[in-house]
């Protein structure tokens, strides 16, 4: 049996969780649903970050998992390394941030509603 971290990263057109055909939305959900993936992307939103600094920003993230997730996000075209080996979002990764901005706004409204502030 292949360990989860040894499995290839989810990409459109390849079988992923929830889709044998690898529909793009299902591949995206599979990739982004992996533990720490969204947190890593969030921490890269303001610019390039070195490995150790990124690990510190992601409270409790082991270096092994961080390395695995960064590899998956690089393979998916969302993250790249700059000339100083710091990690940053690619233009496609930045597009993802723009795409999920409405979800962030909704989550703030949801939090307010569940506190009774709305």
PDB file of N, CA and C in Angstrom:
ATOM      1  N   UNK A   1       0.843  -1.182   0.000  1.00  0.00           N
ATOM      2  CA  UNK A   1       0.000   0.000   0.000  1.00  0.00           C
ATOM      3  C   UNK A   1       0.891   1.249   0.000  1.00  0.00           C
ATOM      4  N   UNK A   2       0.526   2.256  -0.785  1.00  0.00           N
ATOM      5  CA  UNK A   2       1.288   3.498  -0.883  1.00  0.00           C
ATOM      6  C   UNK A   2       0.840   4.438   0.216  1.00  0.00           C
ATOM      7  N   UNK A   3       1.795   5.012   0.933  1.00  0.00           N
ATOM      8  CA  UNK A   3       1.461   6.003   1.963  1.00  0.00           C
ATOM      9  C   UNK A   3       0.886   7.238   1.297  1.00  0.00           C
ATOM     10  N   UNK A   4       0.036   7.952   2.023  1.00  0.00           N
ATOM     11  CA  UNK A   4      -0.610   9.137   1.466  1.00  0.00           C
ATOM     12  C   UNK A   4       0.425  10.127   0.948  1.00  0.00           C
ATOM     13  N   UNK A   5       1.492  10.350   1.708  1.00  0.00           N
ATOM     14  CA  UNK A   5       2.486  11.331   1.297  1.00  0.00           C
ATOM     15  C   UNK A   5       3.322  10.874   0.112  1.00  0.00           C
ATOM     16  N   UNK A   6       3.292   9.566  -0.205  1.00  0.00           N
ATOM     17  CA  UNK A   6       4.023   9.055  -1.353  1.00  0.00           C
ATOM     18  C   UNK A   6       3.178   9.065  -2.622  1.00  0.00           C
ATOM     19  N   UNK A   7       1.891   9.314  -2.476  1.00  0.00           N
ATOM     20  CA  UNK A   7       0.995   9.342  -3.627  1.00  0.00           C
ATOM     21  C   UNK A   7       1.288  10.581  -4.464  1.00  0.00           C
ATOM     22  N   UNK A   8       1.060  10.500  -5.775  1.00  0.00           N
ATOM     23  CA  UNK A   8       1.271  11.696  -6.596  1.00  0.00           C
ATOM     24  C   UNK A   8       0.282  12.791  -6.205  1.00  0.00           C
ATOM     25  N   UNK A   9       0.665  14.053  -6.417  1.00  0.00           N
ATOM     26  CA  UNK A   9      -0.256  15.133  -6.059  1.00  0.00           C
ATOM     27  C   UNK A   9      -1.485  15.099  -6.958  1.00  0.00           C
ATOM     28  N   UNK A  10      -2.621  15.520  -6.424  1.00  0.00           N
ATOM     29  CA  UNK A  10      -3.833  15.545  -7.243  1.00  0.00           C
ATOM     30  C   UNK A  10      -3.712  16.607  -8.333  1.00  0.00           C
ATOM     31  N   UNK A  11      -3.957  16.197  -9.562  1.00  0.00           N
ATOM     32  CA  UNK A  11      -3.918  17.115 -10.698  1.00  0.00           C
ATOM     33  C   UNK A  11      -5.118  16.844 -11.594  1.00  0.00           C
ATOM     34  N   UNK A  12      -5.642  17.870 -12.250  1.00  0.00           N
ATOM     35  CA  UNK A  12      -6.765  17.661 -13.167  1.00  0.00           C
ATOM     36  C   UNK A  12      -6.413  16.617 -14.216  1.00  0.00           C
ATOM     37  N   UNK A  13      -7.373  15.758 -14.511  1.00  0.00           N
ATOM     38  CA  UNK A  13      -7.182  14.727 -15.529  1.00  0.00           C
ATOM     39  C   UNK A  13      -6.687  13.403 -14.994  1.00  0.00           C
ATOM     40  N   UNK A  14      -6.275  13.377 -13.722  1.00  0.00           N
ATOM     41  CA  UNK A  14      -5.840  12.136 -13.078  1.00  0.00           C
ATOM     42  C   UNK A  14      -6.846  11.786 -11.996  1.00  0.00           C
ATOM     43  N   UNK A  15      -7.031  10.499 -11.716  1.00  0.00           N
ATOM     44  CA  UNK A  15      -7.969  10.127 -10.651  1.00  0.00           C
ATOM     45  C   UNK A  15      -7.603  10.802  -9.332  1.00  0.00           C
ATOM     46  N   UNK A  16      -8.602  11.347  -8.651  1.00  0.00           N
ATOM     47  CA  UNK A  16      -8.431  12.015  -7.359  1.00  0.00           C
ATOM     48  C   UNK A  16      -9.564  11.582  -6.450  1.00  0.00           C
ATOM     49  N   UNK A  17      -9.471  11.942  -5.175  1.00  0.00           N
ATOM     50  CA  UNK A  17     -10.583  11.639  -4.271  1.00  0.00           C
ATOM     51  C   UNK A  17     -11.850  12.277  -4.816  1.00  0.00           C
ATOM     52  N   UNK A  18     -12.871  11.465  -4.990  1.00  0.00           N
ATOM     53  CA  UNK A  18     -14.158  11.979  -5.428  1.00  0.00           C
ATOM     54  C   UNK A  18     -14.357  11.997  -6.932  1.00  0.00           C
ATOM     55  N   UNK A  19     -13.329  11.642  -7.716  1.00  0.00           N
ATOM     56  CA  UNK A  19     -13.484  11.660  -9.176  1.00  0.00           C
ATOM     57  C   UNK A  19     -12.459  10.738  -9.829  1.00  0.00           C
ATOM     58  N   UNK A  20     -12.969   9.707 -10.497  1.00  0.00           N
ATOM     59  CA  UNK A  20     -12.065   8.810 -11.219  1.00  0.00           C
ATOM     60  C   UNK A  20     -11.496   9.465 -12.462  1.00  0.00           C
ATOM     61  N   UNK A  21     -12.179  10.493 -12.974  1.00  0.00           N
ATOM     62  CA  UNK A  21     -11.717  11.156 -14.197  1.00  0.00           C
ATOM     63  C   UNK A  21     -10.854  12.377 -13.911  1.00  0.00           C
ATOM     64  N   UNK A  22     -10.779  12.786 -12.665  1.00  0.00           N
ATOM     65  CA  UNK A  22      -9.950  13.935 -12.313  1.00  0.00           C
ATOM     66  C   UNK A  22     -10.526  15.259 -12.778  1.00  0.00           C
ATOM     67  N   UNK A  23     -11.848  15.413 -12.621  1.00  0.00           N
ATOM     68  CA  UNK A  23     -12.445  16.705 -12.962  1.00  0.00           C
ATOM     69  C   UNK A  23     -11.697  17.809 -12.231  1.00  0.00           C
ATOM     70  N   UNK A  24     -11.447  18.930 -12.911  1.00  0.00           N
ATOM     71  CA  UNK A  24     -10.626  19.987 -12.307  1.00  0.00           C
ATOM     72  C   UNK A  24     -11.094  20.434 -10.922  1.00  0.00           C
ATOM     73  N   UNK A  25     -12.379  20.612 -10.719  1.00  0.00           N
ATOM     74  CA  UNK A  25     -12.848  21.080  -9.410  1.00  0.00           C
ATOM     75  C   UNK A  25     -12.572  20.040  -8.330  1.00  0.00           C
ATOM     76  N   UNK A  26     -12.721  18.755  -8.674  1.00  0.00           N
ATOM     77  CA  UNK A  26     -12.466  17.707  -7.698  1.00  0.00           C
ATOM     78  C   UNK A  26     -10.970  17.595  -7.395  1.00  0.00           C
ATOM     79  N   UNK A  27     -10.130  17.785  -8.404  1.00  0.00           N
ATOM     80  CA  UNK A  27      -8.680  17.778  -8.176  1.00  0.00           C
ATOM     81  C   UNK A  27      -8.300  18.954  -7.261  1.00  0.00           C
ATOM     82  N   UNK A  28      -8.910  20.113  -7.497  1.00  0.00           N
ATOM     83  CA  UNK A  28      -8.635  21.276  -6.649  1.00  0.00           C
ATOM     84  C   UNK A  28      -9.078  21.011  -5.210  1.00  0.00           C
ATOM     85  N   UNK A  29     -10.277  20.450  -5.033  1.00  0.00           N
ATOM     86  CA  UNK A  29     -10.754  20.140  -3.683  1.00  0.00           C
ATOM     87  C   UNK A  29      -9.829  19.140  -3.000  1.00  0.00           C
ATOM     88  N   UNK A  30      -9.372  18.139  -3.743  1.00  0.00           N
ATOM     89  CA  UNK A  30      -8.467  17.147  -3.166  1.00  0.00           C
ATOM     90  C   UNK A  30      -7.164  17.811  -2.725  1.00  0.00           C
ATOM     91  N   UNK A  31      -6.569  18.614  -3.590  1.00  0.00           N
ATOM     92  CA  UNK A  31      -5.308  19.285  -3.258  1.00  0.00           C
ATOM     93  C   UNK A  31      -5.480  20.231  -2.074  1.00  0.00           C
ATOM     94  N   UNK A  32      -6.484  21.084  -2.140  1.00  0.00           N
ATOM     95  CA  UNK A  32      -6.677  22.091  -1.100  1.00  0.00           C
ATOM     96  C   UNK A  32      -7.194  21.502   0.201  1.00  0.00           C
ATOM     97  N   UNK A  33      -7.779  20.312   0.122  1.00  0.00           N
ATOM     98  CA  UNK A  33      -8.284  19.645   1.319  1.00  0.00           C
ATOM     99  C   UNK A  33      -7.227  18.882   2.088  1.00  0.00           C
ATOM    100  N   UNK A  34      -6.026  18.807   1.549  1.00  0.00           N
ATOM    101  CA  UNK A  34      -4.955  18.125   2.259  1.00  0.00           C
ATOM    102  C   UNK A  34      -4.495  18.972   3.434  1.00  0.00           C
ATOM    103  N   UNK A  35      -4.211  18.279   4.524  1.00  0.00           N
ATOM    104  CA  UNK A  35      -3.823  18.964   5.751  1.00  0.00           C
ATOM    105  C   UNK A  35      -2.685  19.952   5.485  1.00  0.00           C
ATOM    106  N   UNK A  36      -2.865  21.183   5.927  1.00  0.00           N
ATOM    107  CA  UNK A  36      -1.900  22.269   5.872  1.00  0.00           C
ATOM    108  C   UNK A  36      -1.803  22.970   4.523  1.00  0.00           C
ATOM    109  N   UNK A  37      -2.380  22.440   3.463  1.00  0.00           N
ATOM    110  CA  UNK A  37      -2.215  23.051   2.134  1.00  0.00           C
ATOM    111  C   UNK A  37      -2.743  24.492   2.114  1.00  0.00           C
ATOM    112  N   UNK A  38      -3.949  24.711   2.582  1.00  0.00           N
ATOM    113  CA  UNK A  38      -4.509  26.065   2.569  1.00  0.00           C
ATOM    114  C   UNK A  38      -3.738  26.993   3.501  1.00  0.00           C
ATOM    115  N   UNK A  39      -3.293  26.488   4.627  1.00  0.00           N
ATOM    116  CA  UNK A  39      -2.528  27.319   5.559  1.00  0.00           C
ATOM    117  C   UNK A  39      -1.224  27.775   4.914  1.00  0.00           C
ATOM    118  N   UNK A  40      -0.558  26.881   4.207  1.00  0.00           N
ATOM    119  CA  UNK A  40       0.685  27.241   3.528  1.00  0.00           C
ATOM    120  C   UNK A  40       0.415  28.322   2.494  1.00  0.00           C
ATOM    121  N   UNK A  41      -0.613  28.133   1.693  1.00  0.00           N
ATOM    122  CA  UNK A  41      -0.963  29.138   0.685  1.00  0.00           C
ATOM    123  C   UNK A  41      -1.292  30.472   1.349  1.00  0.00           C
ATOM    124  N   UNK A  42      -2.008  30.426   2.450  1.00  0.00           N
ATOM    125  CA  UNK A  42      -2.367  31.645   3.177  1.00  0.00           C
ATOM    126  C   UNK A  42      -1.119  32.376   3.658  1.00  0.00           C
ATOM    127  N   UNK A  43      -0.162  31.644   4.179  1.00  0.00           N
ATOM    128  CA  UNK A  43       1.057  32.266   4.701  1.00  0.00           C
ATOM    129  C   UNK A  43       1.938  32.846   3.597  1.00  0.00           C
ATOM    130  N   UNK A  44       1.733  32.401   2.368  1.00  0.00           N
ATOM    131  CA  UNK A  44       2.513  32.919   1.242  1.00  0.00           C
ATOM    132  C   UNK A  44       1.822  34.086   0.535  1.00  0.00           C
ATOM    133  N   UNK A  45       0.661  34.477   0.999  1.00  0.00           N
ATOM    134  CA  UNK A  45      -0.141  35.482   0.298  1.00  0.00           C
ATOM    135  C   UNK A  45       0.545  36.841   0.189  1.00  0.00           C
ATOM    136  N   UNK A  46       1.422  37.179   1.135  1.00  0.00           N
ATOM    137  CA  UNK A  46       2.048  38.503   1.130  1.00  0.00           C
ATOM    138  C   UNK A  46       3.453  38.517   0.548  1.00  0.00           C
ATOM    139  N   UNK A  47       3.913  37.389   0.038  1.00  0.00           N
ATOM    140  CA  UNK A  47       5.238  37.360  -0.570  1.00  0.00           C
ATOM    141  C   UNK A  47       6.047  36.142  -0.187  1.00  0.00           C
ATOM    142  N   UNK A  48       7.265  36.099  -0.696  1.00  0.00           N
ATOM    143  CA  UNK A  48       8.146  34.944  -0.522  1.00  0.00           C
ATOM    144  C   UNK A  48       8.539  34.755   0.944  1.00  0.00           C
ATOM    145  N   UNK A  49       8.618  33.486   1.335  1.00  0.00           N
ATOM    146  CA  UNK A  49       8.975  33.113   2.699  1.00  0.00           C
ATOM    147  C   UNK A  49       9.914  31.914   2.629  1.00  0.00           C
ATOM    148  N   UNK A  50      10.982  31.950   3.407  1.00  0.00           N
ATOM    149  CA  UNK A  50      11.899  30.825   3.496  1.00  0.00           C
ATOM    150  C   UNK A  50      11.271  29.641   4.214  1.00  0.00           C
ATOM    151  N   UNK A  51      11.884  28.474   4.055  1.00  0.00           N
ATOM    152  CA  UNK A  51      11.335  27.242   4.617  1.00  0.00           C
ATOM    153  C   UNK A  51      11.147  27.333   6.130  1.00  0.00           C
ATOM    154  N   UNK A  52      12.182  27.719   6.851  1.00  0.00           N
ATOM    155  CA  UNK A  52      12.080  27.751   8.324  1.00  0.00           C
ATOM    156  C   UNK A  52      11.061  28.787   8.795  1.00  0.00           C
ATOM    157  N   UNK A  53      11.047  29.936   8.159  1.00  0.00           N
ATOM    158  CA  UNK A  53      10.072  30.971   8.536  1.00  0.00           C
ATOM    159  C   UNK A  53       8.650  30.486   8.242  1.00  0.00           C
ATOM    160  N   UNK A  54       8.476  29.792   7.127  1.00  0.00           N
ATOM    161  CA  UNK A  54       7.156  29.264   6.787  1.00  0.00           C
ATOM    162  C   UNK A  54       6.742  28.206   7.801  1.00  0.00           C
ATOM    163  N   UNK A  55       7.668  27.369   8.189  1.00  0.00           N
ATOM    164  CA  UNK A  55       7.374  26.349   9.200  1.00  0.00           C
ATOM    165  C   UNK A  55       6.948  27.007  10.509  1.00  0.00           C
ATOM    166  N   UNK A  56       7.622  28.072  10.915  1.00  0.00           N
ATOM    167  CA  UNK A  56       7.262  28.784  12.144  1.00  0.00           C
ATOM    168  C   UNK A  56       5.873  29.405  12.039  1.00  0.00           C
ATOM    169  N   UNK A  57       5.543  29.930  10.857  1.00  0.00           N
ATOM    170  CA  UNK A  57       4.214  30.535  10.678  1.00  0.00           C
ATOM    171  C   UNK A  57       3.098  29.503  10.747  1.00  0.00           C
ATOM    172  N   UNK A  58       3.421  28.269  10.383  1.00  0.00           N
ATOM    173  CA  UNK A  58       2.447  27.173  10.395  1.00  0.00           C
ATOM    174  C   UNK A  58       2.640  26.378  11.687  1.00  0.00           C
ATOM    175  N   UNK A  59       2.126  26.896  12.770  1.00  0.00           N
ATOM    176  CA  UNK A  59       2.284  26.319  14.107  1.00  0.00           C
ATOM    177  C   UNK A  59       2.201  24.793  14.098  1.00  0.00           C
ATOM    178  N   UNK A  60       3.256  24.164  14.534  1.00  0.00           N
ATOM    179  CA  UNK A  60       3.215  22.725  14.735  1.00  0.00           C
ATOM    180  C   UNK A  60       3.383  21.878  13.487  1.00  0.00           C
ATOM    181  N   UNK A  61       3.710  22.458  12.380  1.00  0.00           N
ATOM    182  CA  UNK A  61       3.859  21.711  11.133  1.00  0.00           C
ATOM    183  C   UNK A  61       5.244  21.083  11.085  1.00  0.00           C
ATOM    184  N   UNK A  62       5.290  19.777  10.863  1.00  0.00           N
ATOM    185  CA  UNK A  62       6.588  19.111  10.805  1.00  0.00           C
ATOM    186  C   UNK A  62       7.287  19.463   9.494  1.00  0.00           C
ATOM    187  N   UNK A  63       8.616  19.456   9.484  1.00  0.00           N
ATOM    188  CA  UNK A  63       9.343  19.753   8.250  1.00  0.00           C
ATOM    189  C   UNK A  63       9.035  18.751   7.143  1.00  0.00           C
ATOM    190  N   UNK A  64       8.768  17.507   7.510  1.00  0.00           N
ATOM    191  CA  UNK A  64       8.455  16.487   6.508  1.00  0.00           C
ATOM    192  C   UNK A  64       7.145  16.802   5.801  1.00  0.00           C
ATOM    193  N   UNK A  65       6.121  17.144   6.574  1.00  0.00           N
ATOM    194  CA  UNK A  65       4.825  17.466   5.971  1.00  0.00           C
ATOM    195  C   UNK A  65       4.926  18.758   5.165  1.00  0.00           C
ATOM    196  N   UNK A  66       5.624  19.751   5.687  1.00  0.00           N
ATOM    197  CA  UNK A  66       5.785  21.000   4.946  1.00  0.00           C
ATOM    198  C   UNK A  66       6.470  20.740   3.609  1.00  0.00           C
ATOM    199  N   UNK A  67       7.519  19.969   3.608  1.00  0.00           N
ATOM    200  CA  UNK A  67       8.229  19.654   2.377  1.00  0.00           C
ATOM    201  C   UNK A  67       7.327  18.913   1.392  1.00  0.00           C
ATOM    202  N   UNK A  68       6.539  17.972   1.899  1.00  0.00           N
ATOM    203  CA  UNK A  68       5.616  17.220   1.041  1.00  0.00           C
ATOM    204  C   UNK A  68       4.569  18.145   0.435  1.00  0.00           C
ATOM    205  N   UNK A  69       3.944  18.982   1.270  1.00  0.00           N
ATOM    206  CA  UNK A  69       2.903  19.889   0.767  1.00  0.00           C
ATOM    207  C   UNK A  69       3.488  20.891  -0.223  1.00  0.00           C
ATOM    208  N   UNK A  70       4.664  21.427   0.068  1.00  0.00           N
ATOM    209  CA  UNK A  70       5.275  22.359  -0.881  1.00  0.00           C
ATOM    210  C   UNK A  70       5.541  21.668  -2.215  1.00  0.00           C
ATOM    211  N   UNK A  71       5.978  20.425  -2.176  1.00  0.00           N
ATOM    212  CA  UNK A  71       6.192  19.674  -3.416  1.00  0.00           C
ATOM    213  C   UNK A  71       4.902  19.505  -4.200  1.00  0.00           C
ATOM    214  N   UNK A  72       3.816  19.202  -3.505  1.00  0.00           N
ATOM    215  CA  UNK A  72       2.520  19.066  -4.165  1.00  0.00           C
ATOM    216  C   UNK A  72       2.056  20.386  -4.754  1.00  0.00           C
ATOM    217  N   UNK A  73       2.225  21.453  -4.005  1.00  0.00           N
ATOM    218  CA  UNK A  73       1.792  22.768  -4.478  1.00  0.00           C
ATOM    219  C   UNK A  73       2.659  23.256  -5.634  1.00  0.00           C
ATOM    220  N   UNK A  74       3.940  22.889  -5.627  1.00  0.00           N
ATOM    221  CA  UNK A  74       4.807  23.208  -6.778  1.00  0.00           C
ATOM    222  C   UNK A  74       4.362  22.404  -7.995  1.00  0.00           C
ATOM    223  N   UNK A  75       4.102  21.111  -7.804  1.00  0.00           N
ATOM    224  CA  UNK A  75       3.673  20.257  -8.919  1.00  0.00           C
ATOM    225  C   UNK A  75       2.354  20.745  -9.512  1.00  0.00           C
ATOM    226  N   UNK A  76       1.516  21.332  -8.670  1.00  0.00           N
ATOM    227  CA  UNK A  76       0.223  21.854  -9.122  1.00  0.00           C
ATOM    228  C   UNK A  76       0.350  23.235  -9.753  1.00  0.00           C
ATOM    229  N   UNK A  77       1.545  23.828  -9.706  1.00  0.00           N
ATOM    230  CA  UNK A  77       1.761  25.135 -10.324  1.00  0.00           C
ATOM    231  C   UNK A  77       1.323  26.312  -9.484  1.00  0.00           C
ATOM    232  N   UNK A  78       1.129  26.100  -8.172  1.00  0.00           N
ATOM    233  CA  UNK A  78       0.651  27.176  -7.302  1.00  0.00           C
ATOM    234  C   UNK A  78       1.768  27.864  -6.532  1.00  0.00           C
ATOM    235  N   UNK A  79       2.875  27.173  -6.341  1.00  0.00           N
ATOM    236  CA  UNK A  79       4.003  27.680  -5.552  1.00  0.00           C
ATOM    237  C   UNK A  79       5.284  27.448  -6.340  1.00  0.00           C
ATOM    238  N   UNK A  80       6.237  28.349  -6.168  1.00  0.00           N
ATOM    239  CA  UNK A  80       7.557  28.199  -6.781  1.00  0.00           C
ATOM    240  C   UNK A  80       8.602  28.695  -5.794  1.00  0.00           C
ATOM    241  N   UNK A  81       9.868  28.397  -6.087  1.00  0.00           N
ATOM    242  CA  UNK A  81      10.962  28.918  -5.287  1.00  0.00           C
ATOM    243  C   UNK A  81      11.654  30.012  -6.072  1.00  0.00           C
ATOM    244  N   UNK A  82      12.042  31.075  -5.355  1.00  0.00           N
ATOM    245  CA  UNK A  82      12.767  32.151  -6.020  1.00  0.00           C
ATOM    246  C   UNK A  82      14.269  31.865  -5.994  1.00  0.00           C
ATOM    247  N   UNK A  83      15.036  32.813  -6.462  1.00  0.00           N
ATOM    248  CA  UNK A  83      16.487  32.619  -6.546  1.00  0.00           C
ATOM    249  C   UNK A  83      17.147  32.424  -5.177  1.00  0.00           C
ATOM    250  N   UNK A  84      16.491  32.841  -4.112  1.00  0.00           N
ATOM    251  CA  UNK A  84      17.009  32.658  -2.748  1.00  0.00           C
ATOM    252  C   UNK A  84      16.445  31.403  -2.082  1.00  0.00           C
ATOM    253  N   UNK A  85      15.735  30.594  -2.842  1.00  0.00           N
ATOM    254  CA  UNK A  85      15.098  29.359  -2.375  1.00  0.00           C
ATOM    255  C   UNK A  85      13.931  29.614  -1.425  1.00  0.00           C
ATOM    256  N   UNK A  86      13.439  30.840  -1.391  1.00  0.00           N
ATOM    257  CA  UNK A  86      12.224  31.141  -0.631  1.00  0.00           C
ATOM    258  C   UNK A  86      11.029  30.732  -1.479  1.00  0.00           C
ATOM    259  N   UNK A  87       9.953  30.404  -0.825  1.00  0.00           N
ATOM    260  CA  UNK A  87       8.743  29.953  -1.511  1.00  0.00           C
ATOM    261  C   UNK A  87       7.799  31.125  -1.702  1.00  0.00           C
ATOM    262  N   UNK A  88       7.148  31.149  -2.852  1.00  0.00           N
ATOM    263  CA  UNK A  88       6.187  32.215  -3.145  1.00  0.00           C
ATOM    264  C   UNK A  88       5.098  31.648  -4.050  1.00  0.00           C
ATOM    265  N   UNK A  89       3.991  32.376  -4.093  1.00  0.00           N
ATOM    266  CA  UNK A  89       2.895  31.992  -4.975  1.00  0.00           C
ATOM    267  C   UNK A  89       3.259  32.315  -6.417  1.00  0.00           C
ATOM    268  N   UNK A  90       2.826  31.454  -7.316  1.00  0.00           N
ATOM    269  CA  UNK A  90       2.930  31.743  -8.740  1.00  0.00           C
ATOM    270  C   UNK A  90       1.744  32.636  -9.106  1.00  0.00           C
ATOM    271  N   UNK A  91       1.706  33.169 -10.314  1.00  0.00           N
ATOM    272  CA  UNK A  91       0.510  33.914 -10.721  1.00  0.00           C
ATOM    273  C   UNK A  91      -0.770  33.075 -10.587  1.00  0.00           C
ATOM    274  N   UNK A  92      -0.682  31.784 -10.874  1.00  0.00           N
ATOM    275  CA  UNK A  92      -1.846  30.907 -10.715  1.00  0.00           C
ATOM    276  C   UNK A  92      -2.220  30.772  -9.239  1.00  0.00           C
ATOM    277  N   UNK A  93      -1.222  30.711  -8.376  1.00  0.00           N
ATOM    278  CA  UNK A  93      -1.477  30.664  -6.939  1.00  0.00           C
ATOM    279  C   UNK A  93      -2.120  31.945  -6.440  1.00  0.00           C
ATOM    280  N   UNK A  94      -1.668  33.080  -6.978  1.00  0.00           N
ATOM    281  CA  UNK A  94      -2.289  34.361  -6.620  1.00  0.00           C
ATOM    282  C   UNK A  94      -3.727  34.407  -7.113  1.00  0.00           C
ATOM    283  N   UNK A  95      -3.990  33.844  -8.282  1.00  0.00           N
ATOM    284  CA  UNK A  95      -5.361  33.771  -8.792  1.00  0.00           C
ATOM    285  C   UNK A  95      -6.251  32.981  -7.844  1.00  0.00           C
ATOM    286  N   UNK A  96      -5.694  31.912  -7.271  1.00  0.00           N
ATOM    287  CA  UNK A  96      -6.463  31.124  -6.310  1.00  0.00           C
ATOM    288  C   UNK A  96      -6.850  31.991  -5.120  1.00  0.00           C
ATOM    289  N   UNK A  97      -5.925  32.810  -4.642  1.00  0.00           N
ATOM    290  CA  UNK A  97      -6.245  33.716  -3.536  1.00  0.00           C
ATOM    291  C   UNK A  97      -7.387  34.643  -3.880  1.00  0.00           C
ATOM    292  N   UNK A  98      -7.385  35.164  -5.106  1.00  0.00           N
ATOM    293  CA  UNK A  98      -8.486  36.023  -5.553  1.00  0.00           C
ATOM    294  C   UNK A  98      -9.794  35.237  -5.625  1.00  0.00           C
ATOM    295  N   UNK A  99      -9.689  33.977  -6.054  1.00  0.00           N
ATOM    296  CA  UNK A  99     -10.890  33.153  -6.203  1.00  0.00           C
ATOM    297  C   UNK A  99     -11.520  32.818  -4.859  1.00  0.00           C
ATOM    298  N   UNK A 100     -10.700  32.653  -3.818  1.00  0.00           N
ATOM    299  CA  UNK A 100     -11.273  32.298  -2.523  1.00  0.00           C
ATOM    300  C   UNK A 100     -11.545  33.509  -1.628  1.00  0.00           C
ATOM    301  N   UNK A 101     -11.242  34.710  -2.098  1.00  0.00           N
ATOM    302  CA  UNK A 101     -11.534  35.914  -1.314  1.00  0.00           C
ATOM    303  C   UNK A 101     -13.019  36.003  -0.943  1.00  0.00           C
ATOM    304  N   UNK A 102     -13.943  35.695  -1.850  1.00  0.00           N
ATOM    305  CA  UNK A 102     -15.358  35.719  -1.449  1.00  0.00           C
ATOM    306  C   UNK A 102     -15.676  34.706  -0.347  1.00  0.00           C
ATOM    307  N   UNK A 103     -14.989  33.573  -0.336  1.00  0.00           N
ATOM    308  CA  UNK A 103     -15.193  32.588   0.723  1.00  0.00           C
ATOM    309  C   UNK A 103     -14.712  33.144   2.067  1.00  0.00           C
ATOM    310  N   UNK A 104     -13.603  33.864   2.050  1.00  0.00           N
ATOM    311  CA  UNK A 104     -13.115  34.498   3.276  1.00  0.00           C
ATOM    312  C   UNK A 104     -14.134  35.514   3.782  1.00  0.00           C
ATOM    313  N   UNK A 105     -14.674  36.327   2.876  1.00  0.00           N
ATOM    314  CA  UNK A 105     -15.682  37.321   3.271  1.00  0.00           C
ATOM    315  C   UNK A 105     -16.918  36.634   3.843  1.00  0.00           C
ATOM    316  N   UNK A 106     -17.330  35.544   3.216  1.00  0.00           N
ATOM    317  CA  UNK A 106     -18.478  34.793   3.721  1.00  0.00           C
ATOM    318  C   UNK A 106     -18.175  34.245   5.108  1.00  0.00           C
ATOM    319  N   UNK A 107     -16.949  33.726   5.319  1.00  0.00           N
ATOM    320  CA  UNK A 107     -16.611  33.131   6.618  1.00  0.00           C
ATOM    321  C   UNK A 107     -16.669  34.165   7.736  1.00  0.00           C
ATOM    322  N   UNK A 108     -16.304  35.413   7.429  1.00  0.00           N
ATOM    323  CA  UNK A 108     -16.393  36.481   8.424  1.00  0.00           C
ATOM    324  C   UNK A 108     -17.860  36.731   8.776  1.00  0.00           C
ATOM    325  N   UNK A 109     -18.719  36.791   7.757  1.00  0.00           N
ATOM    326  CA  UNK A 109     -20.161  36.976   8.014  1.00  0.00           C
ATOM    327  C   UNK A 109     -20.719  35.808   8.814  1.00  0.00           C
ATOM    328  N   UNK A 110     -20.286  34.603   8.489  1.00  0.00           N
ATOM    329  CA  UNK A 110     -20.726  33.400   9.188  1.00  0.00           C
ATOM    330  C   UNK A 110     -20.314  33.459  10.658  1.00  0.00           C
ATOM    331  N   UNK A 111     -19.062  33.855  10.908  1.00  0.00           N
ATOM    332  CA  UNK A 111     -18.577  33.962  12.286  1.00  0.00           C
ATOM    333  C   UNK A 111     -19.407  34.975  13.072  1.00  0.00           C
ATOM    334  N   UNK A 112     -19.706  36.101  12.437  1.00  0.00           N
ATOM    335  CA  UNK A 112     -20.520  37.124  13.102  1.00  0.00           C
ATOM    336  C   UNK A 112     -21.918  36.595  13.388  1.00  0.00           C
ATOM    337  N   UNK A 113     -22.489  35.872  12.447  1.00  0.00           N
ATOM    338  CA  UNK A 113     -23.845  35.343  12.609  1.00  0.00           C
ATOM    339  C   UNK A 113     -23.902  34.301  13.718  1.00  0.00           C
ATOM    340  N   UNK A 114     -22.865  33.474  13.839  1.00  0.00           N
ATOM    341  CA  UNK A 114     -22.891  32.435  14.857  1.00  0.00           C
ATOM    342  C   UNK A 114     -22.620  32.994  16.246  1.00  0.00           C
ATOM    343  N   UNK A 115     -22.042  34.196  16.310  1.00  0.00           N
ATOM    344  CA  UNK A 115     -21.856  34.860  17.606  1.00  0.00           C
ATOM    345  C   UNK A 115     -23.085  35.676  17.970  1.00  0.00           C
ATOM    346  N   UNK A 116     -23.995  35.796  17.037  1.00  0.00           N
ATOM    347  CA  UNK A 116     -25.182  36.605  17.286  1.00  0.00           C
ATOM    348  C   UNK A 116     -24.972  38.079  17.024  1.00  0.00           C
ATOM    349  N   UNK A 117     -23.868  38.430  16.356  1.00  0.00           N
ATOM    350  CA  UNK A 117     -23.570  39.838  16.060  1.00  0.00           C
ATOM    351  C   UNK A 117     -24.345  40.340  14.841  1.00  0.00           C
ATOM    352  N   UNK A 118     -24.861  39.442  14.054  1.00  0.00           N
ATOM    353  CA  UNK A 118     -25.497  39.850  12.816  1.00  0.00           C
ATOM    354  C   UNK A 118     -26.967  40.139  13.006  1.00  0.00           C
TER     355      UNK A 118
END
